[in-house]
Amino acid sequence: MKTIKDDDYYTVAEVKALLTSLCRDDYARLAKIAGYRASISPGLEAQELLNEAVVRVLEGVRGWPRGIDAIRVLDMAMKSIVNAELKHRKVVLDHAKREQRSLADSVVNTETSPTMENDLHAEQLLGQIFGALSSDPEVLAVTMGRAEGLKGDEIQRQFNLSAKQYEAARRRYTRKIANIIPEE
């Protein structure tokens, strides 16, 4: 395995000389490559990407191996920048998704949480139900039995109802509730 030595890379002075020797056609090629690389990561501007790659190579942040041409080195620098940007965005997006899930888990469902509006609506609904059911003692018996979790025969025994009375009261109960609370 070959080890990389400092003399396998151009020095900062040599990099400056190599970059100043690039011609207009080289810059045109680099601009096209930068445009392609920037198109992979929305929000990155091609010229900014190329400038950042040049800065990294000039500052020695991105090494320039001897024998590799400038177009290839700058292309690889731009590719690294784009990959780092995409990885950063993924981390940020994953974090935002976790935060959103956490927030959603911590927020109480408004349909089940007691708010002033829900309380008022529930109070009005209970008033309507009680008004509709209270005038019929057999329906009221079915309602109370169901509220206690009793089955039909248990309701009949507890409230002294015959099977026929219970069944008629159960149907009236169902109709009255359906009129108050329409099915969605």
N, C-alpha and C. Protein backbone atom coordinates (compact mmCIF):
# COMPACT_ATOMS: atom_id res chain seq x y z
N MET A 1 0.84 -1.17 0.00
CA MET A 1 0.00 0.00 0.00
C MET A 1 0.89 1.24 0.00
N LYS A 2 0.54 2.18 -0.84
CA LYS A 2 1.34 3.40 -0.98
C LYS A 2 0.90 4.42 0.05
N THR A 3 1.84 5.03 0.75
CA THR A 3 1.53 6.09 1.70
C THR A 3 1.63 7.43 1.00
N ILE A 4 0.79 8.34 1.42
CA ILE A 4 0.77 9.67 0.82
C ILE A 4 1.71 10.56 1.61
N LYS A 5 2.59 11.23 0.89
CA LYS A 5 3.55 12.14 1.51
C LYS A 5 3.20 13.57 1.11
N ASP A 6 3.70 14.51 1.86
CA ASP A 6 3.44 15.92 1.57
C ASP A 6 3.92 16.31 0.18
N ASP A 7 5.00 15.70 -0.28
CA ASP A 7 5.52 16.09 -1.60
C ASP A 7 4.72 15.47 -2.75
N ASP A 8 3.67 14.65 -2.41
CA ASP A 8 2.77 14.12 -3.44
C ASP A 8 1.72 15.16 -3.85
N TYR A 9 1.66 16.28 -3.11
CA TYR A 9 0.69 17.35 -3.37
C TYR A 9 1.41 18.63 -3.73
N TYR A 10 0.72 19.44 -4.54
CA TYR A 10 1.27 20.75 -4.87
C TYR A 10 1.24 21.63 -3.63
N THR A 11 2.18 22.53 -3.53
CA THR A 11 2.19 23.51 -2.45
C THR A 11 1.19 24.61 -2.79
N VAL A 12 0.91 25.47 -1.82
CA VAL A 12 -0.03 26.56 -2.05
C VAL A 12 0.47 27.48 -3.16
N ALA A 13 1.76 27.76 -3.19
CA ALA A 13 2.33 28.62 -4.23
C ALA A 13 2.17 27.97 -5.60
N GLU A 14 2.40 26.65 -5.68
CA GLU A 14 2.26 25.95 -6.96
C GLU A 14 0.79 25.93 -7.40
N VAL A 15 -0.13 25.79 -6.44
CA VAL A 15 -1.56 25.79 -6.76
C VAL A 15 -1.95 27.14 -7.35
N LYS A 16 -1.48 28.22 -6.74
CA LYS A 16 -1.79 29.56 -7.26
C LYS A 16 -1.30 29.70 -8.70
N ALA A 17 -0.09 29.24 -8.97
CA ALA A 17 0.47 29.33 -10.32
C ALA A 17 -0.35 28.50 -11.30
N LEU A 18 -0.75 27.29 -10.88
CA LEU A 18 -1.54 26.43 -11.78
C LEU A 18 -2.90 27.03 -12.08
N LEU A 19 -3.54 27.63 -11.07
CA LEU A 19 -4.86 28.21 -11.29
C LEU A 19 -4.81 29.45 -12.17
N THR A 20 -3.76 30.24 -12.03
CA THR A 20 -3.64 31.43 -12.88
C THR A 20 -3.32 31.07 -14.32
N SER A 21 -2.83 29.86 -14.52
CA SER A 21 -2.50 29.44 -15.89
C SER A 21 -3.71 28.87 -16.64
N LEU A 22 -4.86 28.76 -15.97
CA LEU A 22 -6.06 28.24 -16.64
C LEU A 22 -6.54 29.23 -17.69
N CYS A 23 -6.99 28.71 -18.82
CA CYS A 23 -7.47 29.57 -19.89
C CYS A 23 -8.99 29.75 -19.81
N ARG A 24 -9.49 30.57 -20.71
CA ARG A 24 -10.92 30.87 -20.74
C ARG A 24 -11.75 29.60 -20.98
N ASP A 25 -11.30 28.72 -21.85
CA ASP A 25 -12.01 27.47 -22.12
C ASP A 25 -12.08 26.58 -20.87
N ASP A 26 -10.98 26.58 -20.09
CA ASP A 26 -10.97 25.81 -18.83
C ASP A 26 -12.04 26.34 -17.88
N TYR A 27 -12.12 27.66 -17.78
CA TYR A 27 -13.13 28.26 -16.91
C TYR A 27 -14.55 28.00 -17.42
N ALA A 28 -14.72 27.95 -18.73
CA ALA A 28 -16.03 27.64 -19.31
C ALA A 28 -16.43 26.20 -18.96
N ARG A 29 -15.46 25.28 -19.06
CA ARG A 29 -15.72 23.88 -18.67
C ARG A 29 -16.06 23.78 -17.19
N LEU A 30 -15.29 24.49 -16.38
CA LEU A 30 -15.54 24.47 -14.93
C LEU A 30 -16.91 25.06 -14.60
N ALA A 31 -17.32 26.08 -15.34
CA ALA A 31 -18.64 26.69 -15.11
C ALA A 31 -19.75 25.69 -15.45
N LYS A 32 -19.58 24.91 -16.52
CA LYS A 32 -20.57 23.88 -16.88
C LYS A 32 -20.62 22.78 -15.82
N ILE A 33 -19.46 22.36 -15.36
CA ILE A 33 -19.40 21.33 -14.32
C ILE A 33 -20.06 21.85 -13.04
N ALA A 34 -19.76 23.10 -12.70
CA ALA A 34 -20.34 23.71 -11.51
C ALA A 34 -21.86 23.79 -11.64
N GLY A 35 -22.34 24.12 -12.83
CA GLY A 35 -23.78 24.16 -13.07
C GLY A 35 -24.43 22.80 -12.86
N TYR A 36 -23.78 21.77 -13.36
CA TYR A 36 -24.30 20.41 -13.16
C TYR A 36 -24.29 20.05 -11.68
N ARG A 37 -23.16 20.27 -11.02
CA ARG A 37 -23.05 19.91 -9.60
C ARG A 37 -24.05 20.69 -8.75
N ALA A 38 -24.23 21.96 -9.06
CA ALA A 38 -25.16 22.80 -8.29
C ALA A 38 -26.61 22.36 -8.52
N SER A 39 -26.90 21.84 -9.70
CA SER A 39 -28.27 21.40 -9.99
C SER A 39 -28.68 20.20 -9.13
N ILE A 40 -27.73 19.47 -8.62
CA ILE A 40 -28.01 18.32 -7.77
C ILE A 40 -28.47 18.78 -6.40
N SER A 41 -28.01 19.93 -5.97
CA SER A 41 -28.35 20.44 -4.65
C SER A 41 -29.04 21.79 -4.79
N PRO A 42 -30.39 21.80 -4.79
CA PRO A 42 -31.12 23.06 -4.94
C PRO A 42 -30.69 24.07 -3.88
N GLY A 43 -30.56 25.30 -4.33
CA GLY A 43 -30.15 26.37 -3.41
C GLY A 43 -28.69 26.74 -3.55
N LEU A 44 -27.90 25.82 -4.11
CA LEU A 44 -26.49 26.14 -4.36
C LEU A 44 -26.38 26.81 -5.72
N GLU A 45 -25.67 27.89 -5.76
CA GLU A 45 -25.43 28.60 -7.02
C GLU A 45 -24.15 28.07 -7.64
N ALA A 46 -24.15 27.89 -8.95
CA ALA A 46 -23.00 27.33 -9.65
C ALA A 46 -21.73 28.15 -9.43
N GLN A 47 -21.83 29.46 -9.56
CA GLN A 47 -20.65 30.31 -9.41
C GLN A 47 -20.12 30.26 -7.97
N GLU A 48 -21.02 30.26 -7.00
CA GLU A 48 -20.59 30.15 -5.60
C GLU A 48 -19.89 28.82 -5.34
N LEU A 49 -20.42 27.77 -5.93
CA LEU A 49 -19.83 26.44 -5.76
C LEU A 49 -18.43 26.41 -6.34
N LEU A 50 -18.26 26.94 -7.54
CA LEU A 50 -16.94 26.99 -8.17
C LEU A 50 -15.98 27.85 -7.34
N ASN A 51 -16.45 28.99 -6.88
CA ASN A 51 -15.61 29.86 -6.05
C ASN A 51 -15.17 29.15 -4.78
N GLU A 52 -16.09 28.45 -4.13
CA GLU A 52 -15.76 27.74 -2.90
C GLU A 52 -14.72 26.64 -3.17
N ALA A 53 -14.88 25.93 -4.28
CA ALA A 53 -13.90 24.89 -4.63
C ALA A 53 -12.52 25.50 -4.84
N VAL A 54 -12.46 26.63 -5.53
CA VAL A 54 -11.17 27.30 -5.77
C VAL A 54 -10.56 27.74 -4.44
N VAL A 55 -11.36 28.31 -3.57
CA VAL A 55 -10.87 28.76 -2.26
C VAL A 55 -10.31 27.59 -1.47
N ARG A 56 -11.02 26.47 -1.47
CA ARG A 56 -10.55 25.30 -0.71
C ARG A 56 -9.24 24.76 -1.26
N VAL A 57 -9.11 24.78 -2.57
CA VAL A 57 -7.86 24.30 -3.17
C VAL A 57 -6.73 25.30 -2.89
N LEU A 58 -7.04 26.60 -3.00
CA LEU A 58 -6.02 27.63 -2.74
C LEU A 58 -5.55 27.63 -1.29
N GLU A 59 -6.46 27.41 -0.37
CA GLU A 59 -6.11 27.43 1.05
C GLU A 59 -5.50 26.12 1.52
N GLY A 60 -5.49 25.13 0.65
CA GLY A 60 -4.92 23.85 1.03
C GLY A 60 -5.87 22.95 1.80
N VAL A 61 -7.12 23.38 1.95
CA VAL A 61 -8.12 22.55 2.62
C VAL A 61 -8.36 21.30 1.77
N ARG A 62 -8.38 21.49 0.49
CA ARG A 62 -8.51 20.39 -0.47
C ARG A 62 -7.16 20.23 -1.15
N GLY A 63 -6.53 19.09 -0.88
CA GLY A 63 -5.21 18.84 -1.48
C GLY A 63 -5.31 18.62 -2.98
N TRP A 64 -4.23 18.99 -3.66
CA TRP A 64 -4.18 18.81 -5.11
C TRP A 64 -3.03 17.87 -5.41
N PRO A 65 -3.34 16.60 -5.67
CA PRO A 65 -2.27 15.64 -5.95
C PRO A 65 -1.53 15.99 -7.24
N ARG A 66 -0.24 15.78 -7.22
CA ARG A 66 0.57 16.03 -8.41
C ARG A 66 0.14 15.09 -9.53
N GLY A 67 0.15 15.61 -10.74
CA GLY A 67 -0.20 14.81 -11.90
C GLY A 67 -1.69 14.82 -12.24
N ILE A 68 -2.51 15.43 -11.40
CA ILE A 68 -3.95 15.52 -11.68
C ILE A 68 -4.23 16.92 -12.20
N ASP A 69 -5.01 16.99 -13.31
CA ASP A 69 -5.25 18.31 -13.90
C ASP A 69 -6.23 19.13 -13.06
N ALA A 70 -6.21 20.45 -13.31
CA ALA A 70 -7.00 21.40 -12.52
C ALA A 70 -8.49 21.14 -12.63
N ILE A 71 -8.96 20.80 -13.82
CA ILE A 71 -10.39 20.57 -14.01
C ILE A 71 -10.86 19.42 -13.11
N ARG A 72 -10.10 18.35 -13.10
CA ARG A 72 -10.45 17.17 -12.29
C ARG A 72 -10.41 17.50 -10.80
N VAL A 73 -9.39 18.21 -10.35
CA VAL A 73 -9.26 18.55 -8.93
C VAL A 73 -10.42 19.44 -8.50
N LEU A 74 -10.73 20.46 -9.28
CA LEU A 74 -11.81 21.36 -8.92
C LEU A 74 -13.18 20.67 -9.02
N ASP A 75 -13.33 19.77 -9.97
CA ASP A 75 -14.57 18.99 -10.07
C ASP A 75 -14.75 18.14 -8.81
N MET A 76 -13.70 17.48 -8.38
CA MET A 76 -13.79 16.64 -7.18
C MET A 76 -14.04 17.51 -5.93
N ALA A 77 -13.46 18.69 -5.90
CA ALA A 77 -13.71 19.61 -4.77
C ALA A 77 -15.18 20.03 -4.76
N MET A 78 -15.73 20.34 -5.93
CA MET A 78 -17.15 20.73 -6.00
C MET A 78 -18.04 19.56 -5.62
N LYS A 79 -17.67 18.37 -6.06
CA LYS A 79 -18.45 17.18 -5.71
C LYS A 79 -18.47 16.98 -4.19
N SER A 80 -17.32 17.16 -3.55
CA SER A 80 -17.25 17.04 -2.09
C SER A 80 -18.12 18.08 -1.39
N ILE A 81 -18.10 19.30 -1.90
CA ILE A 81 -18.90 20.37 -1.31
C ILE A 81 -20.39 20.04 -1.42
N VAL A 82 -20.81 19.59 -2.60
CA VAL A 82 -22.22 19.24 -2.81
C VAL A 82 -22.61 18.07 -1.90
N ASN A 83 -21.75 17.04 -1.82
CA ASN A 83 -22.07 15.89 -0.96
C ASN A 83 -22.18 16.31 0.50
N ALA A 84 -21.26 17.17 0.93
CA ALA A 84 -21.31 17.66 2.32
C ALA A 84 -22.60 18.45 2.55
N GLU A 85 -22.99 19.27 1.58
CA GLU A 85 -24.21 20.06 1.69
C GLU A 85 -25.44 19.15 1.75
N LEU A 86 -25.48 18.13 0.90
CA LEU A 86 -26.61 17.21 0.91
C LEU A 86 -26.68 16.42 2.21
N LYS A 87 -25.52 16.01 2.71
CA LYS A 87 -25.48 15.29 3.97
C LYS A 87 -25.96 16.19 5.10
N HIS A 88 -25.52 17.45 5.08
CA HIS A 88 -25.95 18.42 6.10
C HIS A 88 -27.46 18.62 6.04
N ARG A 89 -28.00 18.77 4.84
CA ARG A 89 -29.44 18.96 4.69
C ARG A 89 -30.21 17.74 5.21
N LYS A 90 -29.68 16.55 4.93
CA LYS A 90 -30.34 15.33 5.40
C LYS A 90 -30.34 15.29 6.93
N VAL A 91 -29.23 15.64 7.54
CA VAL A 91 -29.16 15.67 9.00
C VAL A 91 -30.16 16.68 9.55
N VAL A 92 -30.21 17.85 8.95
CA VAL A 92 -31.14 18.89 9.41
C VAL A 92 -32.58 18.43 9.21
N LEU A 93 -32.86 17.83 8.05
CA LEU A 93 -34.22 17.35 7.77
C LEU A 93 -34.61 16.24 8.74
N ASP A 94 -33.71 15.29 8.98
CA ASP A 94 -33.98 14.21 9.93
C ASP A 94 -34.24 14.78 11.32
N HIS A 95 -33.45 15.77 11.71
CA HIS A 95 -33.64 16.40 13.02
C HIS A 95 -35.00 17.10 13.07
N ALA A 96 -35.34 17.80 12.00
CA ALA A 96 -36.63 18.51 11.96
C ALA A 96 -37.79 17.50 12.03
N LYS A 97 -37.65 16.37 11.35
CA LYS A 97 -38.70 15.35 11.39
C LYS A 97 -38.85 14.78 12.79
N ARG A 98 -37.72 14.52 13.46
CA ARG A 98 -37.78 14.01 14.84
C ARG A 98 -38.43 15.03 15.76
N GLU A 99 -38.07 16.30 15.59
CA GLU A 99 -38.66 17.36 16.40
C GLU A 99 -40.17 17.45 16.15
N GLN A 100 -40.55 17.33 14.87
CA GLN A 100 -41.96 17.42 14.52
C GLN A 100 -42.74 16.26 15.14
N ARG A 101 -42.17 15.03 15.05
CA ARG A 101 -42.81 13.87 15.67
C ARG A 101 -42.92 14.06 17.17
N SER A 102 -41.86 14.55 17.77
CA SER A 102 -41.85 14.77 19.22
C SER A 102 -42.90 15.79 19.61
N LEU A 103 -42.98 16.87 18.84
CA LEU A 103 -43.97 17.90 19.10
C LEU A 103 -45.37 17.35 18.92
N ALA A 104 -45.57 16.59 17.86
CA ALA A 104 -46.89 16.01 17.61
C ALA A 104 -47.28 15.05 18.73
N ASP A 105 -46.32 14.29 19.24
CA ASP A 105 -46.61 13.37 20.34
C ASP A 105 -46.94 14.11 21.62
N SER A 106 -46.34 15.28 21.81
CA SER A 106 -46.56 16.01 23.06
C SER A 106 -47.82 16.86 23.04
N VAL A 107 -48.33 17.16 21.85
CA VAL A 107 -49.53 17.97 21.75
C VAL A 107 -50.74 17.07 21.96
N VAL A 108 -51.64 17.50 22.82
CA VAL A 108 -52.83 16.72 23.09
C VAL A 108 -53.81 16.93 21.95
N ASN A 109 -54.45 15.87 21.53
CA ASN A 109 -55.42 15.94 20.46
C ASN A 109 -56.54 16.90 20.85
N THR A 110 -56.81 17.87 20.00
CA THR A 110 -57.82 18.87 20.33
C THR A 110 -59.22 18.29 20.41
N GLU A 111 -59.46 17.15 19.74
CA GLU A 111 -60.77 16.54 19.80
C GLU A 111 -61.04 15.96 21.18
N THR A 112 -59.99 15.54 21.86
CA THR A 112 -60.17 14.91 23.17
C THR A 112 -59.75 15.81 24.32
N SER A 113 -59.09 16.90 24.02
CA SER A 113 -58.63 17.76 25.10
C SER A 113 -59.76 18.69 25.53
N PRO A 114 -59.85 18.94 26.83
CA PRO A 114 -60.92 19.81 27.30
C PRO A 114 -60.57 21.27 27.07
N THR A 115 -61.18 21.85 26.11
CA THR A 115 -61.01 23.29 25.89
C THR A 115 -62.35 23.95 26.20
N MET A 116 -62.35 25.25 26.31
CA MET A 116 -63.57 25.97 26.64
C MET A 116 -64.64 25.69 25.58
N GLU A 117 -64.24 25.69 24.30
CA GLU A 117 -65.20 25.47 23.22
C GLU A 117 -65.75 24.05 23.28
N ASN A 118 -64.86 23.07 23.51
CA ASN A 118 -65.31 21.68 23.61
C ASN A 118 -66.21 21.48 24.81
N ASP A 119 -65.88 22.11 25.94
CA ASP A 119 -66.71 22.01 27.14
C ASP A 119 -68.11 22.56 26.88
N LEU A 120 -68.17 23.71 26.23
CA LEU A 120 -69.45 24.34 25.94
C LEU A 120 -70.29 23.45 25.03
N HIS A 121 -69.64 22.91 24.00
CA HIS A 121 -70.34 22.03 23.06
C HIS A 121 -70.84 20.78 23.78
N ALA A 122 -70.01 20.18 24.61
CA ALA A 122 -70.40 18.97 25.35
C ALA A 122 -71.56 19.27 26.28
N GLU A 123 -71.52 20.42 26.93
CA GLU A 123 -72.59 20.80 27.85
C GLU A 123 -73.91 20.97 27.10
N GLN A 124 -73.85 21.62 25.94
CA GLN A 124 -75.05 21.79 25.13
C GLN A 124 -75.59 20.44 24.66
N LEU A 125 -74.69 19.59 24.23
CA LEU A 125 -75.07 18.27 23.74
C LEU A 125 -75.72 17.44 24.85
N LEU A 126 -75.11 17.46 26.04
CA LEU A 126 -75.69 16.74 27.17
C LEU A 126 -77.06 17.29 27.53
N GLY A 127 -77.21 18.59 27.46
CA GLY A 127 -78.51 19.21 27.72
C GLY A 127 -79.56 18.72 26.74
N GLN A 128 -79.21 18.65 25.47
CA GLN A 128 -80.13 18.16 24.45
C GLN A 128 -80.48 16.69 24.69
N ILE A 129 -79.47 15.90 25.00
CA ILE A 129 -79.70 14.47 25.24
C ILE A 129 -80.59 14.28 26.45
N PHE A 130 -80.26 14.94 27.55
CA PHE A 130 -81.06 14.80 28.76
C PHE A 130 -82.50 15.26 28.51
N GLY A 131 -82.66 16.37 27.80
CA GLY A 131 -84.01 16.86 27.50
C GLY A 131 -84.79 15.85 26.68
N ALA A 132 -84.16 15.22 25.71
CA ALA A 132 -84.84 14.27 24.84
C ALA A 132 -85.16 12.97 25.56
N LEU A 133 -84.29 12.56 26.48
CA LEU A 133 -84.46 11.26 27.12
C LEU A 133 -85.24 11.32 28.43
N SER A 134 -85.22 12.45 29.11
CA SER A 134 -85.81 12.53 30.45
C SER A 134 -87.34 12.41 30.46
N SER A 135 -87.98 12.71 29.37
CA SER A 135 -89.44 12.65 29.33
C SER A 135 -89.96 11.21 29.19
N ASP A 136 -89.06 10.27 28.90
CA ASP A 136 -89.46 8.87 28.71
C ASP A 136 -88.71 8.02 29.74
N PRO A 137 -89.39 7.56 30.82
CA PRO A 137 -88.71 6.82 31.89
C PRO A 137 -88.07 5.51 31.42
N GLU A 138 -88.68 4.83 30.46
CA GLU A 138 -88.10 3.57 29.97
C GLU A 138 -86.81 3.85 29.17
N VAL A 139 -86.81 4.89 28.36
CA VAL A 139 -85.61 5.29 27.61
C VAL A 139 -84.53 5.73 28.58
N LEU A 140 -84.92 6.45 29.61
CA LEU A 140 -83.97 6.88 30.63
C LEU A 140 -83.36 5.68 31.34
N ALA A 141 -84.14 4.64 31.59
CA ALA A 141 -83.65 3.41 32.21
C ALA A 141 -82.62 2.73 31.30
N VAL A 142 -82.89 2.67 30.00
CA VAL A 142 -81.94 2.08 29.04
C VAL A 142 -80.65 2.90 29.03
N THR A 143 -80.78 4.21 29.04
CA THR A 143 -79.61 5.10 29.03
C THR A 143 -78.75 4.88 30.26
N MET A 144 -79.39 4.85 31.43
CA MET A 144 -78.64 4.66 32.67
C MET A 144 -78.00 3.28 32.72
N GLY A 145 -78.71 2.28 32.25
CA GLY A 145 -78.15 0.92 32.22
C GLY A 145 -76.94 0.83 31.30
N ARG A 146 -77.03 1.44 30.15
CA ARG A 146 -75.89 1.43 29.22
C ARG A 146 -74.71 2.20 29.80
N ALA A 147 -75.02 3.30 30.46
CA ALA A 147 -73.95 4.10 31.06
C ALA A 147 -73.21 3.30 32.12
N GLU A 148 -73.90 2.40 32.79
CA GLU A 148 -73.27 1.55 33.80
C GLU A 148 -72.63 0.31 33.19
N GLY A 149 -72.81 0.12 31.87
CA GLY A 149 -72.20 -1.02 31.19
C GLY A 149 -73.00 -2.30 31.30
N LEU A 150 -74.29 -2.16 31.58
CA LEU A 150 -75.14 -3.34 31.72
C LEU A 150 -75.58 -3.86 30.36
N LYS A 151 -75.83 -5.16 30.31
CA LYS A 151 -76.38 -5.78 29.10
C LYS A 151 -77.90 -5.67 29.15
N GLY A 152 -78.56 -6.01 28.04
CA GLY A 152 -80.01 -5.87 27.93
C GLY A 152 -80.80 -6.59 29.02
N ASP A 153 -80.46 -7.85 29.30
CA ASP A 153 -81.21 -8.60 30.32
C ASP A 153 -80.97 -8.03 31.71
N GLU A 154 -79.76 -7.50 31.95
CA GLU A 154 -79.47 -6.87 33.24
C GLU A 154 -80.27 -5.58 33.42
N ILE A 155 -80.40 -4.81 32.32
CA ILE A 155 -81.19 -3.57 32.37
C ILE A 155 -82.65 -3.92 32.65
N GLN A 156 -83.16 -4.98 32.01
CA GLN A 156 -84.56 -5.39 32.21
C GLN A 156 -84.80 -5.74 33.69
N ARG A 157 -83.89 -6.51 34.27
CA ARG A 157 -84.05 -6.91 35.68
C ARG A 157 -83.96 -5.70 36.61
N GLN A 158 -82.91 -4.86 36.39
CA GLN A 158 -82.68 -3.73 37.31
C GLN A 158 -83.82 -2.72 37.28
N PHE A 159 -84.42 -2.48 36.09
CA PHE A 159 -85.43 -1.43 35.96
C PHE A 159 -86.83 -2.00 35.76
N ASN A 160 -87.01 -3.27 36.01
CA ASN A 160 -88.33 -3.92 35.94
C ASN A 160 -89.00 -3.74 34.57
N LEU A 161 -88.29 -4.05 33.51
CA LEU A 161 -88.82 -3.92 32.16
C LEU A 161 -89.00 -5.31 31.56
N SER A 162 -90.09 -5.47 30.82
CA SER A 162 -90.27 -6.73 30.08
C SER A 162 -89.36 -6.67 28.85
N ALA A 163 -89.16 -7.79 28.20
CA ALA A 163 -88.31 -7.85 27.00
C ALA A 163 -88.88 -6.93 25.92
N LYS A 164 -90.24 -6.93 25.80
CA LYS A 164 -90.89 -6.08 24.80
C LYS A 164 -90.70 -4.60 25.15
N GLN A 165 -90.86 -4.23 26.41
CA GLN A 165 -90.67 -2.83 26.85
C GLN A 165 -89.22 -2.39 26.62
N TYR A 166 -88.28 -3.28 26.98
CA TYR A 166 -86.86 -2.96 26.80
C TYR A 166 -86.54 -2.72 25.33
N GLU A 167 -87.00 -3.62 24.46
CA GLU A 167 -86.68 -3.51 23.03
C GLU A 167 -87.27 -2.24 22.44
N ALA A 168 -88.50 -1.90 22.81
CA ALA A 168 -89.14 -0.67 22.32
C ALA A 168 -88.39 0.56 22.84
N ALA A 169 -87.99 0.55 24.11
CA ALA A 169 -87.26 1.67 24.71
C ALA A 169 -85.88 1.81 24.07
N ARG A 170 -85.23 0.67 23.77
CA ARG A 170 -83.91 0.70 23.14
C ARG A 170 -83.99 1.35 21.74
N ARG A 171 -85.04 1.00 20.98
CA ARG A 171 -85.21 1.59 19.65
C ARG A 171 -85.49 3.10 19.75
N ARG A 172 -86.35 3.50 20.72
CA ARG A 172 -86.63 4.93 20.90
C ARG A 172 -85.35 5.66 21.30
N TYR A 173 -84.55 5.06 22.18
CA TYR A 173 -83.26 5.62 22.62
C TYR A 173 -82.37 5.85 21.40
N THR A 174 -82.26 4.83 20.55
CA THR A 174 -81.39 4.92 19.36
C THR A 174 -81.86 6.03 18.43
N ARG A 175 -83.17 6.12 18.20
CA ARG A 175 -83.71 7.17 17.32
C ARG A 175 -83.46 8.56 17.89
N LYS A 176 -83.71 8.72 19.20
CA LYS A 176 -83.54 10.04 19.83
C LYS A 176 -82.07 10.49 19.77
N ILE A 177 -81.16 9.57 20.07
CA ILE A 177 -79.73 9.90 20.01
C ILE A 177 -79.33 10.23 18.58
N ALA A 178 -79.82 9.46 17.62
CA ALA A 178 -79.48 9.69 16.21
C ALA A 178 -79.98 11.06 15.74
N ASN A 179 -81.13 11.51 16.27
CA ASN A 179 -81.65 12.83 15.91
C ASN A 179 -80.80 13.95 16.49
N ILE A 180 -80.22 13.69 17.67
CA ILE A 180 -79.41 14.72 18.33
C ILE A 180 -78.00 14.73 17.77
N ILE A 181 -77.41 13.54 17.61
CA ILE A 181 -76.04 13.40 17.14
C ILE A 181 -76.06 12.67 15.79
N PRO A 182 -76.18 13.40 14.68
CA PRO A 182 -76.22 12.73 13.37
C PRO A 182 -74.89 12.04 13.07
N GLU A 183 -75.00 10.89 12.40
CA GLU A 183 -73.77 10.16 12.03
C GLU A 183 -73.03 10.93 10.98
N GLU A 184 -71.69 10.89 11.07
CA GLU A 184 -70.87 11.64 10.11
C GLU A 184 -70.50 10.77 8.94
